Amino acid sequence: MTKYNKGIIQAVVIVLSLVLVLVYLYFRVGQIKSINAEITKVRSEKLSLQAVEPESVDVEKIFPGKAGIALFVENLYEAARMSGIKDHEVSTVKMGDMPARRNLMKGKAAGNEKALKTYSLKISLQGNYRDTVEYIRELQNIERYKRIVELVMKPVDMQLKTDITVEIYSAGGQDAAQ
């Protein structure tokens, strides 16, 4: 081989090596760009989850870990006082007093530890129409998930007698203050 042929072979090897390095770097840059895109996506998801976190605190108020029936009853009596209701009584409802469809639902949820627990309260009050409506508004404004299952209003001695059955929910069990 001549010196000239050796020079051509060396030049071809160098050019091929440069081409291979450039191809390798091209694919590597593509991988880096896709990884950066994934990092950006994960960061945006993290920020959105951090924005949702304060809302989860509100969920704990709505579905507390303990039943908190005593606190809820205190809130009911406070609502009665604020609305001007004088004759106000709150009692718990036994399972046997509930409609049959509710018993079936409670029976299914009873075995599931993670299911929401339901507690029923019967509220009896007597007052004029405006005070009663104000009481119902105050009841709805209590910051806790509750459902009015039954609402019966009857006129009695120039007043309005109201019976309300309310269900409250908790994510855990009963607390000791009941």
N, C-alpha and C. Protein backbone atom coordinates (compact mmCIF):
# COMPACT_ATOMS: atom_id res chain seq x y z
N MET A 1 0.83 -1.16 0.00
CA MET A 1 0.00 0.00 0.00
C MET A 1 0.88 1.23 0.00
N THR A 2 0.38 2.11 -0.69
CA THR A 2 1.14 3.35 -0.81
C THR A 2 0.71 4.31 0.29
N LYS A 3 1.51 5.33 0.41
CA LYS A 3 1.23 6.34 1.40
C LYS A 3 -0.10 7.03 1.11
N TYR A 4 -0.39 7.19 -0.15
CA TYR A 4 -1.61 7.85 -0.58
C TYR A 4 -2.83 7.03 -0.16
N ASN A 5 -2.80 5.72 -0.36
CA ASN A 5 -3.91 4.84 0.01
C ASN A 5 -4.12 4.82 1.53
N LYS A 6 -3.02 4.82 2.29
CA LYS A 6 -3.14 4.85 3.74
C LYS A 6 -3.82 6.14 4.20
N GLY A 7 -3.50 7.24 3.57
CA GLY A 7 -4.10 8.53 3.91
C GLY A 7 -5.60 8.53 3.62
N ILE A 8 -6.00 7.93 2.48
CA ILE A 8 -7.42 7.87 2.12
C ILE A 8 -8.17 6.99 3.13
N ILE A 9 -7.59 5.88 3.49
CA ILE A 9 -8.24 4.97 4.44
C ILE A 9 -8.39 5.67 5.79
N GLN A 10 -7.37 6.38 6.24
CA GLN A 10 -7.45 7.09 7.50
C GLN A 10 -8.52 8.19 7.44
N ALA A 11 -8.61 8.91 6.33
CA ALA A 11 -9.61 9.96 6.18
C ALA A 11 -11.02 9.37 6.19
N VAL A 12 -11.21 8.23 5.51
CA VAL A 12 -12.53 7.57 5.49
C VAL A 12 -12.91 7.11 6.89
N VAL A 13 -11.96 6.54 7.63
CA VAL A 13 -12.23 6.08 9.00
C VAL A 13 -12.61 7.26 9.88
N ILE A 14 -11.90 8.37 9.74
CA ILE A 14 -12.20 9.57 10.54
C ILE A 14 -13.58 10.11 10.18
N VAL A 15 -13.90 10.20 8.90
CA VAL A 15 -15.22 10.71 8.46
C VAL A 15 -16.32 9.78 8.96
N LEU A 16 -16.14 8.46 8.82
CA LEU A 16 -17.15 7.51 9.30
C LEU A 16 -17.32 7.61 10.82
N SER A 17 -16.21 7.79 11.53
CA SER A 17 -16.28 7.94 12.99
C SER A 17 -17.07 9.20 13.34
N LEU A 18 -16.81 10.30 12.64
CA LEU A 18 -17.55 11.55 12.89
C LEU A 18 -19.04 11.38 12.59
N VAL A 19 -19.36 10.70 11.50
CA VAL A 19 -20.77 10.46 11.14
C VAL A 19 -21.45 9.62 12.22
N LEU A 20 -20.77 8.57 12.68
CA LEU A 20 -21.34 7.72 13.74
C LEU A 20 -21.55 8.51 15.03
N VAL A 21 -20.59 9.35 15.39
CA VAL A 21 -20.72 10.18 16.60
C VAL A 21 -21.89 11.15 16.44
N LEU A 22 -22.04 11.77 15.27
CA LEU A 22 -23.14 12.71 15.04
C LEU A 22 -24.49 12.00 15.10
N VAL A 23 -24.59 10.81 14.51
CA VAL A 23 -25.85 10.03 14.57
C VAL A 23 -26.17 9.68 16.03
N TYR A 24 -25.17 9.25 16.77
CA TYR A 24 -25.36 8.91 18.18
C TYR A 24 -25.85 10.13 18.96
N LEU A 25 -25.20 11.27 18.75
CA LEU A 25 -25.60 12.50 19.45
C LEU A 25 -27.00 12.95 19.05
N TYR A 26 -27.36 12.78 17.78
CA TYR A 26 -28.69 13.17 17.32
C TYR A 26 -29.77 12.38 18.08
N PHE A 27 -29.60 11.07 18.19
CA PHE A 27 -30.58 10.26 18.91
C PHE A 27 -30.55 10.56 20.41
N ARG A 28 -29.38 10.83 20.95
CA ARG A 28 -29.27 11.14 22.37
C ARG A 28 -29.98 12.46 22.69
N VAL A 29 -29.86 13.46 21.83
CA VAL A 29 -30.53 14.74 22.02
C VAL A 29 -32.05 14.53 21.98
N GLY A 30 -32.53 13.67 21.11
CA GLY A 30 -33.96 13.35 21.05
C GLY A 30 -34.45 12.74 22.36
N GLN A 31 -33.65 11.84 22.93
CA GLN A 31 -34.01 11.24 24.20
C GLN A 31 -34.02 12.28 25.32
N ILE A 32 -33.05 13.16 25.31
CA ILE A 32 -32.98 14.21 26.34
C ILE A 32 -34.19 15.13 26.23
N LYS A 33 -34.58 15.48 25.01
CA LYS A 33 -35.76 16.34 24.83
C LYS A 33 -37.02 15.66 25.35
N SER A 34 -37.18 14.36 25.08
CA SER A 34 -38.38 13.66 25.55
C SER A 34 -38.37 13.55 27.08
N ILE A 35 -37.20 13.34 27.68
CA ILE A 35 -37.12 13.29 29.14
C ILE A 35 -37.44 14.66 29.74
N ASN A 36 -36.95 15.73 29.12
CA ASN A 36 -37.28 17.08 29.60
C ASN A 36 -38.77 17.36 29.50
N ALA A 37 -39.40 16.88 28.43
CA ALA A 37 -40.85 17.05 28.28
C ALA A 37 -41.59 16.31 29.39
N GLU A 38 -41.15 15.11 29.72
CA GLU A 38 -41.78 14.35 30.80
C GLU A 38 -41.59 15.04 32.14
N ILE A 39 -40.40 15.59 32.37
CA ILE A 39 -40.14 16.32 33.62
C ILE A 39 -41.06 17.52 33.73
N THR A 40 -41.24 18.25 32.65
CA THR A 40 -42.14 19.40 32.65
C THR A 40 -43.57 18.97 32.95
N LYS A 41 -43.99 17.87 32.36
CA LYS A 41 -45.34 17.34 32.58
C LYS A 41 -45.52 16.95 34.05
N VAL A 42 -44.55 16.27 34.63
CA VAL A 42 -44.63 15.85 36.03
C VAL A 42 -44.66 17.08 36.95
N ARG A 43 -43.86 18.09 36.63
CA ARG A 43 -43.88 19.31 37.44
C ARG A 43 -45.23 20.00 37.40
N SER A 44 -45.84 20.06 36.22
CA SER A 44 -47.16 20.69 36.12
C SER A 44 -48.20 19.88 36.88
N GLU A 45 -48.12 18.55 36.83
CA GLU A 45 -49.04 17.72 37.60
C GLU A 45 -48.83 17.93 39.10
N LYS A 46 -47.58 18.05 39.51
CA LYS A 46 -47.27 18.28 40.92
C LYS A 46 -47.86 19.61 41.38
N LEU A 47 -47.73 20.64 40.56
CA LEU A 47 -48.29 21.95 40.92
C LEU A 47 -49.81 21.89 41.00
N SER A 48 -50.43 21.16 40.08
CA SER A 48 -51.89 21.05 40.13
C SER A 48 -52.34 20.27 41.36
N LEU A 49 -51.59 19.25 41.76
CA LEU A 49 -51.92 18.50 42.98
C LEU A 49 -51.73 19.36 44.22
N GLN A 50 -50.71 20.21 44.22
CA GLN A 50 -50.50 21.10 45.35
C GLN A 50 -51.62 22.12 45.44
N ALA A 51 -52.17 22.51 44.30
CA ALA A 51 -53.29 23.45 44.31
C ALA A 51 -54.55 22.77 44.85
N VAL A 52 -54.68 21.47 44.65
CA VAL A 52 -55.86 20.73 45.11
C VAL A 52 -55.75 20.40 46.60
N GLU A 53 -54.55 20.34 47.15
CA GLU A 53 -54.33 19.96 48.54
C GLU A 53 -55.15 20.78 49.54
N PRO A 54 -55.22 22.11 49.42
CA PRO A 54 -56.04 22.86 50.38
C PRO A 54 -57.51 22.46 50.34
N GLU A 55 -57.99 22.02 49.18
CA GLU A 55 -59.37 21.58 49.10
C GLU A 55 -59.59 20.31 49.90
N SER A 56 -58.57 19.47 50.05
CA SER A 56 -58.72 18.24 50.81
C SER A 56 -58.95 18.53 52.28
N VAL A 57 -58.48 19.66 52.77
CA VAL A 57 -58.75 20.05 54.15
C VAL A 57 -60.25 20.28 54.31
N ASP A 58 -60.90 20.88 53.32
CA ASP A 58 -62.33 21.08 53.37
C ASP A 58 -63.06 19.75 53.38
N VAL A 59 -62.55 18.76 52.67
CA VAL A 59 -63.18 17.44 52.64
C VAL A 59 -63.17 16.83 54.03
N GLU A 60 -62.10 17.06 54.80
CA GLU A 60 -62.04 16.54 56.16
C GLU A 60 -63.10 17.19 57.04
N LYS A 61 -63.45 18.43 56.78
CA LYS A 61 -64.54 19.06 57.54
C LYS A 61 -65.88 18.47 57.13
N ILE A 62 -66.05 18.20 55.85
CA ILE A 62 -67.32 17.70 55.35
C ILE A 62 -67.54 16.25 55.75
N PHE A 63 -66.51 15.41 55.60
CA PHE A 63 -66.57 14.00 56.00
C PHE A 63 -65.53 13.77 57.09
N PRO A 64 -65.81 14.13 58.33
CA PRO A 64 -64.80 13.97 59.37
C PRO A 64 -64.50 12.50 59.63
N GLY A 65 -63.33 12.24 60.21
CA GLY A 65 -62.93 10.87 60.52
C GLY A 65 -63.79 10.26 61.62
N LYS A 66 -64.26 11.06 62.53
CA LYS A 66 -65.15 10.60 63.60
C LYS A 66 -66.54 11.16 63.34
N ALA A 67 -67.53 10.52 63.91
CA ALA A 67 -68.91 10.92 63.64
C ALA A 67 -69.19 12.35 64.09
N GLY A 68 -68.73 12.73 65.26
CA GLY A 68 -68.92 14.09 65.74
C GLY A 68 -70.37 14.48 65.89
N ILE A 69 -71.20 13.53 66.34
CA ILE A 69 -72.63 13.81 66.48
C ILE A 69 -72.85 14.91 67.51
N ALA A 70 -72.11 14.87 68.61
CA ALA A 70 -72.28 15.88 69.66
C ALA A 70 -72.03 17.28 69.12
N LEU A 71 -70.96 17.44 68.35
CA LEU A 71 -70.66 18.75 67.77
C LEU A 71 -71.74 19.18 66.78
N PHE A 72 -72.24 18.23 65.99
CA PHE A 72 -73.29 18.56 65.03
C PHE A 72 -74.57 18.98 65.77
N VAL A 73 -74.90 18.29 66.86
CA VAL A 73 -76.09 18.65 67.65
C VAL A 73 -75.90 20.05 68.24
N GLU A 74 -74.70 20.35 68.72
CA GLU A 74 -74.43 21.71 69.21
C GLU A 74 -74.65 22.74 68.11
N ASN A 75 -74.21 22.42 66.90
CA ASN A 75 -74.44 23.33 65.76
C ASN A 75 -75.93 23.49 65.49
N LEU A 76 -76.70 22.41 65.64
CA LEU A 76 -78.15 22.50 65.43
C LEU A 76 -78.80 23.42 66.48
N TYR A 77 -78.41 23.27 67.74
CA TYR A 77 -78.97 24.13 68.78
C TYR A 77 -78.55 25.59 68.58
N GLU A 78 -77.34 25.80 68.12
CA GLU A 78 -76.89 27.17 67.80
C GLU A 78 -77.72 27.74 66.66
N ALA A 79 -78.01 26.93 65.65
CA ALA A 79 -78.86 27.38 64.53
C ALA A 79 -80.26 27.71 65.03
N ALA A 80 -80.78 26.92 65.96
CA ALA A 80 -82.12 27.19 66.51
C ALA A 80 -82.10 28.51 67.28
N ARG A 81 -81.07 28.74 68.06
CA ARG A 81 -80.97 29.99 68.81
C ARG A 81 -80.87 31.19 67.87
N MET A 82 -80.05 31.05 66.82
CA MET A 82 -79.87 32.17 65.88
C MET A 82 -81.13 32.47 65.09
N SER A 83 -81.93 31.45 64.82
CA SER A 83 -83.13 31.66 64.01
C SER A 83 -84.36 32.00 64.86
N GLY A 84 -84.24 31.96 66.17
CA GLY A 84 -85.35 32.35 67.03
C GLY A 84 -86.29 31.20 67.39
N ILE A 85 -85.92 29.97 67.13
CA ILE A 85 -86.75 28.81 67.48
C ILE A 85 -86.58 28.56 68.98
N LYS A 86 -87.71 28.48 69.69
CA LYS A 86 -87.67 28.25 71.14
C LYS A 86 -87.84 26.76 71.47
N ASP A 87 -88.76 26.09 70.78
CA ASP A 87 -89.06 24.68 71.04
C ASP A 87 -88.28 23.83 70.04
N HIS A 88 -87.19 23.24 70.48
CA HIS A 88 -86.28 22.53 69.58
C HIS A 88 -85.75 21.29 70.28
N GLU A 89 -85.81 20.14 69.60
CA GLU A 89 -85.35 18.89 70.19
C GLU A 89 -84.67 18.05 69.12
N VAL A 90 -83.55 17.42 69.48
CA VAL A 90 -82.81 16.56 68.56
C VAL A 90 -82.66 15.19 69.21
N SER A 91 -82.94 14.15 68.43
CA SER A 91 -82.76 12.78 68.93
C SER A 91 -82.20 11.91 67.81
N THR A 92 -81.55 10.81 68.21
CA THR A 92 -81.03 9.89 67.20
C THR A 92 -82.14 8.96 66.75
N VAL A 93 -82.00 8.46 65.53
CA VAL A 93 -82.99 7.55 64.96
C VAL A 93 -82.40 6.16 64.99
N LYS A 94 -83.17 5.20 65.54
CA LYS A 94 -82.71 3.82 65.57
C LYS A 94 -82.85 3.21 64.19
N MET A 95 -82.06 2.16 63.93
CA MET A 95 -82.11 1.49 62.63
C MET A 95 -83.51 0.96 62.33
N GLY A 96 -84.24 0.48 63.34
CA GLY A 96 -85.57 -0.07 63.12
C GLY A 96 -86.58 0.99 62.71
N ASP A 97 -86.32 2.25 63.09
CA ASP A 97 -87.23 3.34 62.74
C ASP A 97 -87.00 3.87 61.34
N MET A 98 -85.93 3.42 60.70
CA MET A 98 -85.59 3.91 59.36
C MET A 98 -86.42 3.17 58.32
N PRO A 99 -86.66 3.78 57.17
CA PRO A 99 -87.32 3.06 56.08
C PRO A 99 -86.48 1.86 55.65
N ALA A 100 -87.15 0.84 55.11
CA ALA A 100 -86.48 -0.42 54.78
C ALA A 100 -85.34 -0.23 53.78
N ARG A 101 -85.50 0.65 52.81
CA ARG A 101 -84.45 0.84 51.81
C ARG A 101 -83.17 1.36 52.44
N ARG A 102 -83.26 2.15 53.48
CA ARG A 102 -82.08 2.67 54.15
C ARG A 102 -81.39 1.56 54.94
N ASN A 103 -82.19 0.64 55.53
CA ASN A 103 -81.59 -0.47 56.27
C ASN A 103 -80.74 -1.33 55.35
N LEU A 104 -81.21 -1.56 54.13
CA LEU A 104 -80.44 -2.37 53.20
C LEU A 104 -79.11 -1.70 52.88
N MET A 105 -79.14 -0.41 52.63
CA MET A 105 -77.90 0.30 52.29
C MET A 105 -76.93 0.30 53.46
N LYS A 106 -77.44 0.48 54.67
CA LYS A 106 -76.56 0.49 55.83
C LYS A 106 -75.97 -0.88 56.08
N GLY A 107 -76.74 -1.93 55.84
CA GLY A 107 -76.24 -3.28 56.04
C GLY A 107 -75.08 -3.59 55.13
N LYS A 108 -75.12 -3.12 53.91
CA LYS A 108 -74.02 -3.37 52.97
C LYS A 108 -72.78 -2.58 53.37
N ALA A 109 -72.96 -1.37 53.82
CA ALA A 109 -71.81 -0.52 54.16
C ALA A 109 -71.19 -0.90 55.50
N ALA A 110 -71.95 -1.62 56.33
CA ALA A 110 -71.46 -1.91 57.68
C ALA A 110 -70.20 -2.76 57.66
N GLY A 111 -70.05 -3.67 56.71
CA GLY A 111 -68.88 -4.53 56.67
C GLY A 111 -67.66 -3.86 56.04
N ASN A 112 -67.85 -2.78 55.35
CA ASN A 112 -66.75 -2.12 54.65
C ASN A 112 -66.16 -1.03 55.55
N GLU A 113 -64.90 -1.21 55.96
CA GLU A 113 -64.25 -0.26 56.86
C GLU A 113 -64.08 1.11 56.21
N LYS A 114 -63.89 1.16 54.89
CA LYS A 114 -63.60 2.42 54.22
C LYS A 114 -64.87 3.13 53.75
N ALA A 115 -66.02 2.52 53.92
CA ALA A 115 -67.27 3.14 53.47
C ALA A 115 -67.65 4.28 54.40
N LEU A 116 -68.40 5.22 53.88
CA LEU A 116 -68.91 6.30 54.70
C LEU A 116 -69.95 5.74 55.67
N LYS A 117 -69.88 6.16 56.90
CA LYS A 117 -70.85 5.75 57.91
C LYS A 117 -71.97 6.80 57.93
N THR A 118 -73.19 6.34 58.12
CA THR A 118 -74.35 7.22 58.12
C THR A 118 -74.98 7.22 59.51
N TYR A 119 -75.32 8.40 60.00
CA TYR A 119 -75.98 8.55 61.28
C TYR A 119 -77.21 9.42 61.05
N SER A 120 -78.35 8.98 61.59
CA SER A 120 -79.61 9.71 61.38
C SER A 120 -80.02 10.41 62.66
N LEU A 121 -80.47 11.65 62.49
CA LEU A 121 -80.96 12.45 63.60
C LEU A 121 -82.35 12.96 63.26
N LYS A 122 -83.23 12.94 64.26
CA LYS A 122 -84.58 13.48 64.08
C LYS A 122 -84.64 14.80 64.83
N ILE A 123 -85.03 15.84 64.12
CA ILE A 123 -85.11 17.18 64.69
C ILE A 123 -86.58 17.57 64.74
N SER A 124 -87.06 17.95 65.92
CA SER A 124 -88.43 18.43 66.07
C SER A 124 -88.35 19.87 66.55
N LEU A 125 -89.10 20.74 65.90
CA LEU A 125 -89.10 22.13 66.31
C LEU A 125 -90.47 22.74 66.07
N GLN A 126 -90.73 23.82 66.78
CA GLN A 126 -92.00 24.52 66.64
C GLN A 126 -91.72 26.01 66.69
N GLY A 127 -92.27 26.73 65.73
CA GLY A 127 -92.08 28.16 65.66
C GLY A 127 -92.88 28.73 64.50
N ASN A 128 -92.75 30.03 64.27
CA ASN A 128 -93.48 30.61 63.15
C ASN A 128 -92.77 30.26 61.84
N TYR A 129 -93.42 30.61 60.74
CA TYR A 129 -92.91 30.20 59.42
C TYR A 129 -91.52 30.79 59.16
N ARG A 130 -91.35 32.08 59.42
CA ARG A 130 -90.06 32.72 59.13
C ARG A 130 -88.92 32.11 59.95
N ASP A 131 -89.17 31.87 61.23
CA ASP A 131 -88.13 31.26 62.07
C ASP A 131 -87.78 29.86 61.59
N THR A 132 -88.80 29.10 61.18
CA THR A 132 -88.57 27.73 60.71
C THR A 132 -87.76 27.74 59.43
N VAL A 133 -88.10 28.61 58.50
CA VAL A 133 -87.35 28.69 57.25
C VAL A 133 -85.91 29.16 57.52
N GLU A 134 -85.75 30.09 58.43
CA GLU A 134 -84.41 30.55 58.80
C GLU A 134 -83.60 29.41 59.42
N TYR A 135 -84.26 28.59 60.25
CA TYR A 135 -83.58 27.44 60.85
C TYR A 135 -83.12 26.45 59.77
N ILE A 136 -83.98 26.18 58.81
CA ILE A 136 -83.61 25.25 57.73
C ILE A 136 -82.43 25.82 56.93
N ARG A 137 -82.44 27.13 56.71
CA ARG A 137 -81.31 27.76 56.01
C ARG A 137 -80.03 27.61 56.82
N GLU A 138 -80.11 27.84 58.13
CA GLU A 138 -78.94 27.67 59.01
C GLU A 138 -78.47 26.21 59.01
N LEU A 139 -79.41 25.28 59.01
CA LEU A 139 -79.07 23.85 58.95
C LEU A 139 -78.29 23.54 57.68
N GLN A 140 -78.74 24.09 56.57
CA GLN A 140 -78.06 23.85 55.30
C GLN A 140 -76.67 24.50 55.26
N ASN A 141 -76.47 25.55 56.04
CA ASN A 141 -75.18 26.25 56.04
C ASN A 141 -74.15 25.63 56.97
N ILE A 142 -74.54 24.64 57.77
CA ILE A 142 -73.57 23.97 58.63
C ILE A 142 -72.56 23.28 57.73
N GLU A 143 -71.27 23.53 57.99
CA GLU A 143 -70.21 23.05 57.10
C GLU A 143 -69.92 21.57 57.37
N ARG A 144 -70.80 20.74 56.87
CA ARG A 144 -70.68 19.30 57.01
C ARG A 144 -71.63 18.69 56.01
N TYR A 145 -71.24 17.55 55.42
CA TYR A 145 -72.14 16.93 54.46
C TYR A 145 -73.27 16.27 55.22
N LYS A 146 -74.47 16.70 54.90
CA LYS A 146 -75.66 16.13 55.51
C LYS A 146 -76.75 16.09 54.45
N ARG A 147 -77.76 15.28 54.73
CA ARG A 147 -78.84 15.15 53.77
C ARG A 147 -80.15 15.16 54.54
N ILE A 148 -81.05 16.03 54.12
CA ILE A 148 -82.37 16.04 54.72
C ILE A 148 -83.17 14.94 54.05
N VAL A 149 -83.49 13.90 54.84
CA VAL A 149 -84.18 12.74 54.30
C VAL A 149 -85.68 12.95 54.32
N GLU A 150 -86.16 13.61 55.38
CA GLU A 150 -87.60 13.80 55.53
C GLU A 150 -87.85 15.17 56.15
N LEU A 151 -88.87 15.84 55.65
CA LEU A 151 -89.24 17.15 56.16
C LEU A 151 -90.76 17.21 56.18
N VAL A 152 -91.34 17.30 57.40
CA VAL A 152 -92.80 17.34 57.55
C VAL A 152 -93.15 18.59 58.35
N MET A 153 -94.05 19.41 57.79
CA MET A 153 -94.50 20.63 58.47
C MET A 153 -96.01 20.55 58.66
N LYS A 154 -96.47 20.85 59.90
CA LYS A 154 -97.91 20.83 60.20
C LYS A 154 -98.24 22.07 61.03
N PRO A 155 -99.39 22.70 60.73
CA PRO A 155 -99.80 23.82 61.58
C PRO A 155 -100.36 23.30 62.91
N VAL A 156 -99.89 23.87 64.02
CA VAL A 156 -100.36 23.49 65.34
C VAL A 156 -100.46 24.77 66.18
N ASP A 157 -101.69 25.11 66.61
CA ASP A 157 -101.92 26.26 67.49
C ASP A 157 -101.25 27.53 66.99
N MET A 158 -101.54 27.92 65.78
CA MET A 158 -101.02 29.15 65.17
C MET A 158 -99.48 29.14 65.04
N GLN A 159 -98.91 27.97 65.09
CA GLN A 159 -97.47 27.82 64.89
C GLN A 159 -97.25 26.71 63.88
N LEU A 160 -96.02 26.52 63.50
CA LEU A 160 -95.67 25.49 62.53
C LEU A 160 -94.80 24.44 63.23
N LYS A 161 -95.33 23.21 63.32
CA LYS A 161 -94.56 22.10 63.91
C LYS A 161 -93.83 21.41 62.77
N THR A 162 -92.53 21.27 62.92
CA THR A 162 -91.70 20.71 61.85
C THR A 162 -90.90 19.53 62.40
N ASP A 163 -90.94 18.43 61.65
CA ASP A 163 -90.11 17.27 61.95
C ASP A 163 -89.17 17.06 60.77
N ILE A 164 -87.88 17.02 61.06
CA ILE A 164 -86.85 16.86 60.02
C ILE A 164 -86.00 15.65 60.39
N THR A 165 -85.78 14.78 59.42
CA THR A 165 -84.82 13.69 59.61
C THR A 165 -83.61 14.01 58.75
N VAL A 166 -82.45 14.05 59.40
CA VAL A 166 -81.20 14.42 58.73
C VAL A 166 -80.23 13.26 58.86
N GLU A 167 -79.53 12.97 57.78
CA GLU A 167 -78.44 12.00 57.82
C GLU A 167 -77.13 12.75 57.74
N ILE A 168 -76.20 12.40 58.63
CA ILE A 168 -74.86 12.96 58.55
C ILE A 168 -73.90 11.81 58.28
N TYR A 169 -72.76 12.13 57.71
CA TYR A 169 -71.82 11.11 57.26
C TYR A 169 -70.46 11.34 57.88
N SER A 170 -69.73 10.25 58.09
CA SER A 170 -68.34 10.35 58.53
C SER A 170 -67.53 9.28 57.82
N ALA A 171 -66.24 9.54 57.72
CA ALA A 171 -65.35 8.60 57.03
C ALA A 171 -64.84 7.54 57.99
N GLY A 172 -65.10 7.68 59.28
CA GLY A 172 -64.61 6.71 60.25
C GLY A 172 -65.71 6.28 61.19
N GLY A 173 -65.31 5.94 62.40
CA GLY A 173 -66.26 5.42 63.37
C GLY A 173 -66.81 6.49 64.27
N GLN A 174 -67.53 6.02 65.31
CA GLN A 174 -68.13 6.94 66.27
C GLN A 174 -67.05 7.45 67.20
N ASP A 175 -67.30 8.62 67.78
CA ASP A 175 -66.35 9.12 68.76
C ASP A 175 -66.92 8.92 70.16
N ALA A 176 -66.11 9.12 71.16
CA ALA A 176 -66.49 8.79 72.52
C ALA A 176 -67.52 9.75 73.10
N ALA A 177 -67.70 10.91 72.52
CA ALA A 177 -68.60 11.92 73.08
C ALA A 177 -70.05 11.69 72.72
N GLN A 178 -70.41 10.48 72.37
CA GLN A 178 -71.80 10.26 71.95
C GLN A 178 -72.57 9.57 73.03
